[in-house]
Amino acid sequence: QVQLVESGGGLVQPGGSLRLSCAASGRIFSIYVMGWYRQAPGKQRERVATITSTGSTNYADSVKGRFAISRDGAKNTVYLQMNSLKPEDTAVYYCYYNTLGSPTAWGQGTQVTVSA
């Protein structure tokens, strides 16, 4: 079983930056996908960015060119660097871990608020 602990959310002005971290612990397999979803009030959960154990990345169109996902394999940690933040980026951000044959693990969520 995998546990995920997120950090780095907060309040930022439009145009600002934040970096989210997600530290994984437990039984980490060598082949996996990790990433971030977000959910704004009254909206469905939306996939933001993913990264595989081989380093391949994928982004939602709404964040391409502004967000960057990366990982530190030695620390089992995934990061989401968010730049040029907009009010519509306001949401609770959830980290996840998925590998074949196991249920998806989710973090507790971290609030990101973009407001003047």
C-alpha atoms as a PDB file:
ATOM      1  CA  GLN A   1       0.000   0.000   0.000  1.00  0.00           C
ATOM      2  CA  VAL A   2       1.174   3.495  -0.860  1.00  0.00           C
ATOM      3  CA  GLN A   3       0.693   6.639   1.203  1.00  0.00           C
ATOM      4  CA  LEU A   4       0.886  10.106  -0.297  1.00  0.00           C
ATOM      5  CA  VAL A   5       1.526  13.363   1.548  1.00  0.00           C
ATOM      6  CA  GLU A   6       1.060  16.641  -0.283  1.00  0.00           C
ATOM      7  CA  SER A   7       2.360  20.082   0.587  1.00  0.00           C
ATOM      8  CA  GLY A   8       2.864  23.491  -0.945  1.00  0.00           C
ATOM      9  CA  GLY A   9      -0.617  24.864  -1.471  1.00  0.00           C
ATOM     10  CA  GLY A  10      -1.689  28.326  -0.406  1.00  0.00           C
ATOM     11  CA  LEU A  11      -2.900  31.741  -1.463  1.00  0.00           C
ATOM     12  CA  VAL A  12      -1.203  33.511  -4.345  1.00  0.00           C
ATOM     13  CA  GLN A  13      -1.982  36.526  -6.502  1.00  0.00           C
ATOM     14  CA  PRO A  14      -2.789  36.140 -10.196  1.00  0.00           C
ATOM     15  CA  GLY A  15       0.415  35.769 -12.171  1.00  0.00           C
ATOM     16  CA  GLY A  16       2.215  34.259  -9.215  1.00  0.00           C
ATOM     17  CA  SER A  17       3.779  30.845  -8.717  1.00  0.00           C
ATOM     18  CA  LEU A  18       3.483  27.898  -6.362  1.00  0.00           C
ATOM     19  CA  ARG A  19       5.176  24.526  -6.166  1.00  0.00           C
ATOM     20  CA  LEU A  20       3.304  21.496  -4.901  1.00  0.00           C
ATOM     21  CA  SER A  21       5.082  18.422  -3.569  1.00  0.00           C
ATOM     22  CA  CYS A  22       3.821  14.874  -3.173  1.00  0.00           C
ATOM     23  CA  ALA A  23       5.901  12.414  -1.183  1.00  0.00           C
ATOM     24  CA  ALA A  24       5.107   8.726  -1.611  1.00  0.00           C
ATOM     25  CA  SER A  25       5.909   6.043   0.926  1.00  0.00           C
ATOM     26  CA  GLY A  26       5.173   2.358   1.282  1.00  0.00           C
ATOM     27  CA  ARG A  27       5.349  -0.253  -1.430  1.00  0.00           C
ATOM     28  CA  ILE A  28       6.512   1.698  -4.494  1.00  0.00           C
ATOM     29  CA  PHE A  29       6.808  -0.354  -7.670  1.00  0.00           C
ATOM     30  CA  SER A  30       9.344   0.390 -10.382  1.00  0.00           C
ATOM     31  CA  ILE A  31       6.641   1.005 -12.993  1.00  0.00           C
ATOM     32  CA  TYR A  32       4.020   3.579 -12.091  1.00  0.00           C
ATOM     33  CA  VAL A  33       2.201   6.751 -13.005  1.00  0.00           C
ATOM     34  CA  MET A  34       1.912   9.674 -10.631  1.00  0.00           C
ATOM     35  CA  GLY A  35       0.271  12.982 -11.109  1.00  0.00           C
ATOM     36  CA  TRP A  36      -2.160  15.639 -10.042  1.00  0.00           C
ATOM     37  CA  TYR A  37      -5.868  16.155 -10.344  1.00  0.00           C
ATOM     38  CA  ARG A  38      -7.772  19.196  -9.160  1.00  0.00           C
ATOM     39  CA  GLN A  39     -11.337  19.905  -8.188  1.00  0.00           C
ATOM     40  CA  ALA A  40     -12.913  23.330  -8.006  1.00  0.00           C
ATOM     41  CA  PRO A  41     -16.177  23.964  -6.132  1.00  0.00           C
ATOM     42  CA  GLY A  42     -19.136  22.725  -8.137  1.00  0.00           C
ATOM     43  CA  LYS A  43     -16.943  21.187 -10.837  1.00  0.00           C
ATOM     44  CA  GLN A  44     -15.796  17.689 -11.714  1.00  0.00           C
ATOM     45  CA  ARG A  45     -12.321  16.508 -10.825  1.00  0.00           C
ATOM     46  CA  GLU A  46      -9.931  17.377 -13.644  1.00  0.00           C
ATOM     47  CA  ARG A  47      -6.625  15.725 -14.518  1.00  0.00           C
ATOM     48  CA  VAL A  48      -3.878  18.345 -14.482  1.00  0.00           C
ATOM     49  CA  ALA A  49      -0.584  16.574 -15.170  1.00  0.00           C
ATOM     50  CA  THR A  50       0.953  13.105 -15.068  1.00  0.00           C
ATOM     51  CA  ILE A  51       4.436  11.643 -15.078  1.00  0.00           C
ATOM     52  CA  THR A  52       5.486   8.046 -15.524  1.00  0.00           C
ATOM     53  CA  SER A  53       8.318   6.179 -13.861  1.00  0.00           C
ATOM     54  CA  THR A  54      10.261   6.618 -17.128  1.00  0.00           C
ATOM     55  CA  GLY A  55       9.755  10.375 -17.074  1.00  0.00           C
ATOM     56  CA  SER A  56       7.076  10.808 -19.720  1.00  0.00           C
ATOM     57  CA  THR A  57       4.760  13.713 -18.979  1.00  0.00           C
ATOM     58  CA  ASN A  58       1.294  14.774 -20.033  1.00  0.00           C
ATOM     59  CA  TYR A  59      -0.656  17.967 -19.333  1.00  0.00           C
ATOM     60  CA  ALA A  60      -4.177  19.248 -19.557  1.00  0.00           C
ATOM     61  CA  ASP A  61      -4.558  21.838 -22.300  1.00  0.00           C
ATOM     62  CA  SER A  62      -5.559  24.434 -19.703  1.00  0.00           C
ATOM     63  CA  VAL A  63      -2.146  24.303 -17.998  1.00  0.00           C
ATOM     64  CA  LYS A  64       0.243  23.603 -20.872  1.00  0.00           C
ATOM     65  CA  GLY A  65       3.101  26.081 -20.930  1.00  0.00           C
ATOM     66  CA  ARG A  66       2.380  27.223 -17.363  1.00  0.00           C
ATOM     67  CA  PHE A  67       2.722  24.099 -15.220  1.00  0.00           C
ATOM     68  CA  ALA A  68       5.577  21.607 -15.092  1.00  0.00           C
ATOM     69  CA  ILE A  69       5.555  18.206 -13.420  1.00  0.00           C
ATOM     70  CA  SER A  70       8.776  16.541 -12.333  1.00  0.00           C
ATOM     71  CA  ARG A  71       9.949  13.769 -10.041  1.00  0.00           C
ATOM     72  CA  ASP A  72      12.796  12.829  -7.766  1.00  0.00           C
ATOM     73  CA  GLY A  73      13.032   9.052  -7.920  1.00  0.00           C
ATOM     74  CA  ALA A  74      15.427   8.821  -5.009  1.00  0.00           C
ATOM     75  CA  LYS A  75      12.930  10.633  -2.769  1.00  0.00           C
ATOM     76  CA  ASN A  76       9.782   9.103  -4.323  1.00  0.00           C
ATOM     77  CA  THR A  77       8.515  12.646  -4.659  1.00  0.00           C
ATOM     78  CA  VAL A  78       6.618  14.358  -7.456  1.00  0.00           C
ATOM     79  CA  TYR A  79       6.467  18.119  -7.898  1.00  0.00           C
ATOM     80  CA  LEU A  80       4.092  20.419  -9.708  1.00  0.00           C
ATOM     81  CA  GLN A  81       5.564  23.821 -10.513  1.00  0.00           C
ATOM     82  CA  MET A  82       2.724  26.209 -11.261  1.00  0.00           C
ATOM     83  CA  ASN A  83       3.539  29.529 -12.919  1.00  0.00           C
ATOM     84  CA  SER A  84       1.406  32.345 -14.304  1.00  0.00           C
ATOM     85  CA  LEU A  85      -1.425  31.270 -12.047  1.00  0.00           C
ATOM     86  CA  LYS A  86      -4.956  32.369 -12.881  1.00  0.00           C
ATOM     87  CA  PRO A  87      -8.069  32.620 -10.699  1.00  0.00           C
ATOM     88  CA  GLU A  88      -9.499  29.636 -12.599  1.00  0.00           C
ATOM     89  CA  ASP A  89      -6.632  27.516 -11.247  1.00  0.00           C
ATOM     90  CA  THR A  90      -8.212  27.799  -7.793  1.00  0.00           C
ATOM     91  CA  ALA A  91      -9.038  24.294  -6.613  1.00  0.00           C
ATOM     92  CA  VAL A  92      -8.089  21.507  -4.269  1.00  0.00           C
ATOM     93  CA  TYR A  93      -5.171  19.654  -5.836  1.00  0.00           C
ATOM     94  CA  TYR A  94      -4.859  15.914  -5.294  1.00  0.00           C
ATOM     95  CA  CYS A  95      -1.795  13.803  -5.905  1.00  0.00           C
ATOM     96  CA  TYR A  96      -2.213  10.213  -7.042  1.00  0.00           C
ATOM     97  CA  TYR A  97      -0.158   7.079  -7.609  1.00  0.00           C
ATOM     98  CA  ASN A  98      -1.161   4.213  -9.852  1.00  0.00           C
ATOM     99  CA  THR A  99       0.484   0.953 -10.846  1.00  0.00           C
ATOM    100  CA  LEU A 100      -0.822  -2.169 -12.550  1.00  0.00           C
ATOM    101  CA  GLY A 101      -2.807  -4.502 -10.347  1.00  0.00           C
ATOM    102  CA  SER A 102      -3.212  -2.104  -7.429  1.00  0.00           C
ATOM    103  CA  PRO A 103      -5.879   0.420  -6.493  1.00  0.00           C
ATOM    104  CA  THR A 104      -5.037   4.057  -7.070  1.00  0.00           C
ATOM    105  CA  ALA A 105      -3.647   5.839  -4.024  1.00  0.00           C
ATOM    106  CA  TRP A 106      -4.701   9.445  -3.364  1.00  0.00           C
ATOM    107  CA  GLY A 107      -3.311  12.206  -1.240  1.00  0.00           C
ATOM    108  CA  GLN A 108      -5.421  14.229   1.171  1.00  0.00           C
ATOM    109  CA  GLY A 109      -5.539  17.260  -1.100  1.00  0.00           C
ATOM    110  CA  THR A 110      -4.033  20.723  -0.813  1.00  0.00           C
ATOM    111  CA  GLN A 111      -5.875  23.989  -1.423  1.00  0.00           C
ATOM    112  CA  VAL A 112      -4.603  26.403  -4.042  1.00  0.00           C
ATOM    113  CA  THR A 113      -6.299  29.799  -4.141  1.00  0.00           C
ATOM    114  CA  VAL A 114      -5.453  32.394  -6.767  1.00  0.00           C
ATOM    115  CA  SER A 115      -6.895  35.745  -5.849  1.00  0.00           C
ATOM    116  CA  ALA A 116      -5.990  39.403  -5.670  1.00  0.00           C
END
